Amino acid sequence: MSDSTWLTSEFHNPLAVGQYVNNCSNDRPANVCYQEFDVPAVFPIELKQYLPNIAYSFDKESPLRCVVLVALRDIKQGEELFSNYYTIVS
C-alpha cells in the first residue's frame, strides 16, 4: 500500500505543482524544467506561507532561494507534465 492522500484534484498549495510532474522518457520528452530562483522581497505575502523556509537564520538576513518549474514550451490544459529529474538550470 502507498499513501495517495496527497494526490487530489484540488491544490492545497497553489505553488506545489511539482508533485504532479513525471520523469521524461524517449517517448515523452520534457515539457518543463527546474530552475533555481531567488524569491524577491516584493513576493506576495499571501503566497509566502507556501514556500519552504529552509534557509532561515535569526541573525542573518538572506534571500529565500527555491526551485521553480519553467515551461519549455506552451502547455495545454490537462497535459501531463514531464521533466528530467536530474537537471536543474542555475
N, C-alpha and C. Protein backbone atom coordinates (compact mmCIF):
# COMPACT_ATOMS: atom_id res chain seq x y z
N MET A 1 0.84 -1.19 0.00
CA MET A 1 0.00 0.00 0.00
C MET A 1 0.88 1.24 0.00
N SER A 2 0.36 2.30 -0.55
CA SER A 2 1.07 3.57 -0.53
C SER A 2 0.08 4.67 -0.17
N ASP A 3 0.64 5.76 0.35
CA ASP A 3 -0.18 6.90 0.74
C ASP A 3 -0.49 7.73 -0.50
N SER A 4 -1.72 7.75 -0.89
CA SER A 4 -2.11 8.55 -2.05
C SER A 4 -3.00 9.72 -1.65
N THR A 5 -3.04 10.05 -0.35
CA THR A 5 -3.91 11.13 0.10
C THR A 5 -3.48 12.48 -0.44
N TRP A 6 -2.19 12.65 -0.79
CA TRP A 6 -1.71 13.92 -1.33
C TRP A 6 -2.14 14.12 -2.77
N LEU A 7 -2.52 13.05 -3.47
CA LEU A 7 -2.87 13.13 -4.88
C LEU A 7 -4.36 13.43 -5.01
N THR A 8 -4.67 14.68 -5.06
CA THR A 8 -6.06 15.12 -5.14
C THR A 8 -6.24 16.02 -6.36
N SER A 9 -7.46 16.27 -6.72
CA SER A 9 -7.73 17.17 -7.84
C SER A 9 -7.69 18.63 -7.39
N GLU A 10 -7.69 18.85 -6.07
CA GLU A 10 -7.66 20.21 -5.54
C GLU A 10 -6.26 20.52 -5.03
N PHE A 11 -5.79 21.75 -5.30
CA PHE A 11 -4.50 22.19 -4.81
C PHE A 11 -4.64 22.70 -3.38
N HIS A 12 -3.84 22.16 -2.47
CA HIS A 12 -3.78 22.72 -1.12
C HIS A 12 -2.73 23.81 -1.09
N ASN A 13 -1.71 23.65 -1.90
CA ASN A 13 -0.65 24.64 -2.04
C ASN A 13 -0.57 24.98 -3.52
N PRO A 14 -0.99 26.18 -3.91
CA PRO A 14 -1.01 26.52 -5.33
C PRO A 14 0.37 26.58 -5.97
N LEU A 15 1.42 26.59 -5.16
CA LEU A 15 2.78 26.65 -5.70
C LEU A 15 3.43 25.28 -5.78
N ALA A 16 2.78 24.24 -5.31
CA ALA A 16 3.38 22.90 -5.26
C ALA A 16 2.91 22.01 -6.39
N VAL A 17 3.09 22.47 -7.61
CA VAL A 17 2.68 21.65 -8.75
C VAL A 17 3.73 20.59 -9.08
N GLY A 18 4.90 20.66 -8.46
CA GLY A 18 5.96 19.69 -8.72
C GLY A 18 5.56 18.27 -8.42
N GLN A 19 4.61 18.07 -7.53
CA GLN A 19 4.19 16.71 -7.20
C GLN A 19 3.43 16.06 -8.35
N TYR A 20 3.07 16.84 -9.35
CA TYR A 20 2.35 16.30 -10.49
C TYR A 20 3.24 16.13 -11.72
N VAL A 21 4.56 16.28 -11.58
CA VAL A 21 5.50 16.16 -12.69
C VAL A 21 6.10 14.77 -12.70
N ASN A 22 6.10 14.15 -13.87
CA ASN A 22 6.69 12.83 -14.03
C ASN A 22 8.02 12.94 -14.77
N ASN A 23 8.84 11.90 -14.65
CA ASN A 23 10.12 11.89 -15.34
C ASN A 23 9.89 11.66 -16.83
N CYS A 24 10.66 12.38 -17.65
CA CYS A 24 10.54 12.23 -19.09
C CYS A 24 11.17 10.92 -19.55
N SER A 25 10.92 10.58 -20.81
CA SER A 25 11.49 9.37 -21.40
C SER A 25 11.73 9.64 -22.88
N ASN A 26 12.22 8.64 -23.59
CA ASN A 26 12.41 8.80 -25.04
C ASN A 26 11.09 9.03 -25.75
N ASP A 27 10.02 8.42 -25.24
CA ASP A 27 8.69 8.57 -25.85
C ASP A 27 7.97 9.84 -25.40
N ARG A 28 8.34 10.33 -24.23
CA ARG A 28 7.67 11.51 -23.67
C ARG A 28 8.73 12.53 -23.25
N PRO A 29 9.06 13.47 -24.13
CA PRO A 29 10.11 14.44 -23.82
C PRO A 29 9.68 15.44 -22.75
N ALA A 30 10.66 16.04 -22.12
CA ALA A 30 10.39 17.04 -21.08
C ALA A 30 9.66 18.24 -21.68
N ASN A 31 8.67 18.74 -20.95
CA ASN A 31 8.00 19.97 -21.34
C ASN A 31 8.13 21.04 -20.25
N VAL A 32 8.75 20.68 -19.13
CA VAL A 32 9.10 21.63 -18.07
C VAL A 32 10.49 21.30 -17.56
N CYS A 33 11.14 22.28 -16.93
CA CYS A 33 12.43 22.04 -16.29
C CYS A 33 12.44 22.75 -14.94
N TYR A 34 13.41 22.42 -14.13
CA TYR A 34 13.56 23.03 -12.81
C TYR A 34 14.61 24.13 -12.90
N GLN A 35 14.37 25.23 -12.20
CA GLN A 35 15.33 26.33 -12.19
C GLN A 35 15.40 26.91 -10.79
N GLU A 36 16.62 27.21 -10.34
CA GLU A 36 16.80 27.87 -9.06
C GLU A 36 16.27 29.30 -9.16
N PHE A 37 15.71 29.79 -8.06
CA PHE A 37 15.04 31.10 -8.09
C PHE A 37 15.22 31.78 -6.74
N ASP A 38 15.66 33.02 -6.76
CA ASP A 38 15.72 33.84 -5.55
C ASP A 38 14.40 34.57 -5.43
N VAL A 39 13.67 34.30 -4.38
CA VAL A 39 12.36 34.92 -4.16
C VAL A 39 12.57 36.41 -3.87
N PRO A 40 11.97 37.29 -4.66
CA PRO A 40 12.16 38.73 -4.43
C PRO A 40 11.47 39.20 -3.16
N ALA A 41 11.98 40.27 -2.61
CA ALA A 41 11.41 40.83 -1.38
C ALA A 41 9.96 41.25 -1.58
N VAL A 42 9.58 41.57 -2.80
CA VAL A 42 8.21 42.02 -3.08
C VAL A 42 7.27 40.86 -3.41
N PHE A 43 7.69 39.63 -3.16
CA PHE A 43 6.84 38.47 -3.41
C PHE A 43 5.57 38.59 -2.57
N PRO A 44 4.40 38.29 -3.14
CA PRO A 44 3.13 38.49 -2.42
C PRO A 44 3.11 37.76 -1.07
N ILE A 45 2.82 38.50 -0.03
CA ILE A 45 2.82 37.96 1.34
C ILE A 45 1.85 36.79 1.49
N GLU A 46 0.72 36.83 0.77
CA GLU A 46 -0.27 35.75 0.91
C GLU A 46 0.24 34.43 0.31
N LEU A 47 1.27 34.47 -0.53
CA LEU A 47 1.84 33.24 -1.09
C LEU A 47 3.08 32.76 -0.34
N LYS A 48 3.67 33.61 0.49
CA LYS A 48 4.88 33.21 1.21
C LYS A 48 4.64 32.02 2.15
N GLN A 49 3.43 31.86 2.61
CA GLN A 49 3.11 30.74 3.51
C GLN A 49 3.33 29.39 2.84
N TYR A 50 3.35 29.36 1.53
CA TYR A 50 3.51 28.10 0.80
C TYR A 50 4.97 27.77 0.46
N LEU A 51 5.88 28.69 0.73
CA LEU A 51 7.29 28.47 0.40
C LEU A 51 8.01 27.80 1.58
N PRO A 52 8.83 26.80 1.30
CA PRO A 52 9.60 26.19 2.40
C PRO A 52 10.65 27.18 2.88
N ASN A 53 10.86 27.24 4.17
CA ASN A 53 11.81 28.18 4.75
C ASN A 53 12.98 27.40 5.34
N ILE A 54 13.85 26.90 4.48
CA ILE A 54 14.94 26.05 4.95
C ILE A 54 16.22 26.81 5.21
N ALA A 55 16.26 28.09 4.80
CA ALA A 55 17.49 28.87 4.96
C ALA A 55 17.32 29.96 6.01
N TYR A 56 16.43 29.75 6.96
CA TYR A 56 16.15 30.79 7.96
C TYR A 56 17.29 30.91 8.97
N SER A 57 17.64 32.13 9.30
CA SER A 57 18.61 32.42 10.35
C SER A 57 18.13 33.67 11.08
N PHE A 58 18.07 33.61 12.40
CA PHE A 58 17.56 34.76 13.14
C PHE A 58 18.56 35.91 13.17
N ASP A 59 19.84 35.65 12.90
CA ASP A 59 20.84 36.71 12.99
C ASP A 59 21.38 37.18 11.64
N LYS A 60 20.93 36.56 10.55
CA LYS A 60 21.42 36.93 9.23
C LYS A 60 20.27 36.90 8.24
N GLU A 61 20.07 38.03 7.56
CA GLU A 61 19.02 38.08 6.56
C GLU A 61 19.61 37.70 5.21
N SER A 62 18.99 36.74 4.55
CA SER A 62 19.45 36.32 3.23
C SER A 62 18.23 36.04 2.36
N PRO A 63 18.41 36.13 1.05
CA PRO A 63 17.25 35.88 0.18
C PRO A 63 16.81 34.43 0.27
N LEU A 64 15.52 34.23 0.13
CA LEU A 64 14.96 32.89 0.12
C LEU A 64 15.16 32.32 -1.27
N ARG A 65 15.78 31.15 -1.36
CA ARG A 65 16.06 30.51 -2.63
C ARG A 65 15.24 29.24 -2.73
N CYS A 66 14.63 29.01 -3.87
CA CYS A 66 13.83 27.81 -4.07
C CYS A 66 14.02 27.32 -5.51
N VAL A 67 13.35 26.25 -5.84
CA VAL A 67 13.38 25.70 -7.19
C VAL A 67 11.98 25.85 -7.77
N VAL A 68 11.89 26.37 -8.99
CA VAL A 68 10.61 26.57 -9.65
C VAL A 68 10.57 25.76 -10.94
N LEU A 69 9.37 25.51 -11.42
CA LEU A 69 9.18 24.85 -12.71
C LEU A 69 9.05 25.90 -13.80
N VAL A 70 9.72 25.66 -14.91
CA VAL A 70 9.65 26.57 -16.06
C VAL A 70 9.18 25.76 -17.27
N ALA A 71 8.18 26.24 -17.96
CA ALA A 71 7.67 25.56 -19.16
C ALA A 71 8.68 25.71 -20.29
N LEU A 72 8.99 24.61 -20.96
CA LEU A 72 9.90 24.64 -22.09
C LEU A 72 9.17 24.96 -23.40
N ARG A 73 7.86 24.92 -23.35
CA ARG A 73 7.00 25.26 -24.49
C ARG A 73 5.61 25.53 -23.92
N ASP A 74 4.68 25.93 -24.75
CA ASP A 74 3.30 26.13 -24.29
C ASP A 74 2.73 24.80 -23.82
N ILE A 75 2.08 24.82 -22.66
CA ILE A 75 1.48 23.62 -22.08
C ILE A 75 -0.03 23.74 -22.23
N LYS A 76 -0.64 22.71 -22.79
CA LYS A 76 -2.10 22.71 -22.96
C LYS A 76 -2.78 22.31 -21.65
N GLN A 77 -3.97 22.81 -21.43
CA GLN A 77 -4.73 22.45 -20.25
C GLN A 77 -4.94 20.95 -20.21
N GLY A 78 -4.66 20.34 -19.07
CA GLY A 78 -4.84 18.91 -18.90
C GLY A 78 -3.65 18.07 -19.38
N GLU A 79 -2.66 18.70 -19.99
CA GLU A 79 -1.50 17.97 -20.49
C GLU A 79 -0.62 17.51 -19.34
N GLU A 80 -0.11 16.30 -19.45
CA GLU A 80 0.77 15.76 -18.41
C GLU A 80 2.12 16.49 -18.46
N LEU A 81 2.69 16.74 -17.28
CA LEU A 81 3.98 17.43 -17.19
C LEU A 81 5.10 16.41 -17.05
N PHE A 82 6.19 16.63 -17.82
CA PHE A 82 7.36 15.77 -17.77
C PHE A 82 8.61 16.62 -17.63
N SER A 83 9.54 16.15 -16.83
CA SER A 83 10.83 16.82 -16.70
C SER A 83 11.92 15.77 -16.57
N ASN A 84 13.14 16.23 -16.66
CA ASN A 84 14.28 15.38 -16.36
C ASN A 84 14.60 15.61 -14.90
N TYR A 85 14.40 14.62 -14.07
CA TYR A 85 14.59 14.79 -12.62
C TYR A 85 16.00 15.20 -12.24
N TYR A 86 16.95 14.96 -13.11
CA TYR A 86 18.36 15.20 -12.75
C TYR A 86 18.91 16.52 -13.25
N THR A 87 18.08 17.35 -13.84
CA THR A 87 18.57 18.61 -14.40
C THR A 87 17.96 19.79 -13.67
N ILE A 88 18.83 20.64 -13.13
CA ILE A 88 18.41 21.92 -12.57
C ILE A 88 19.20 23.00 -13.28
N VAL A 89 18.50 23.97 -13.86
CA VAL A 89 19.16 25.08 -14.55
C VAL A 89 19.47 26.15 -13.52
N SER A 90 20.73 26.56 -13.43
CA SER A 90 21.12 27.61 -12.47
C SER A 90 21.25 28.94 -13.15
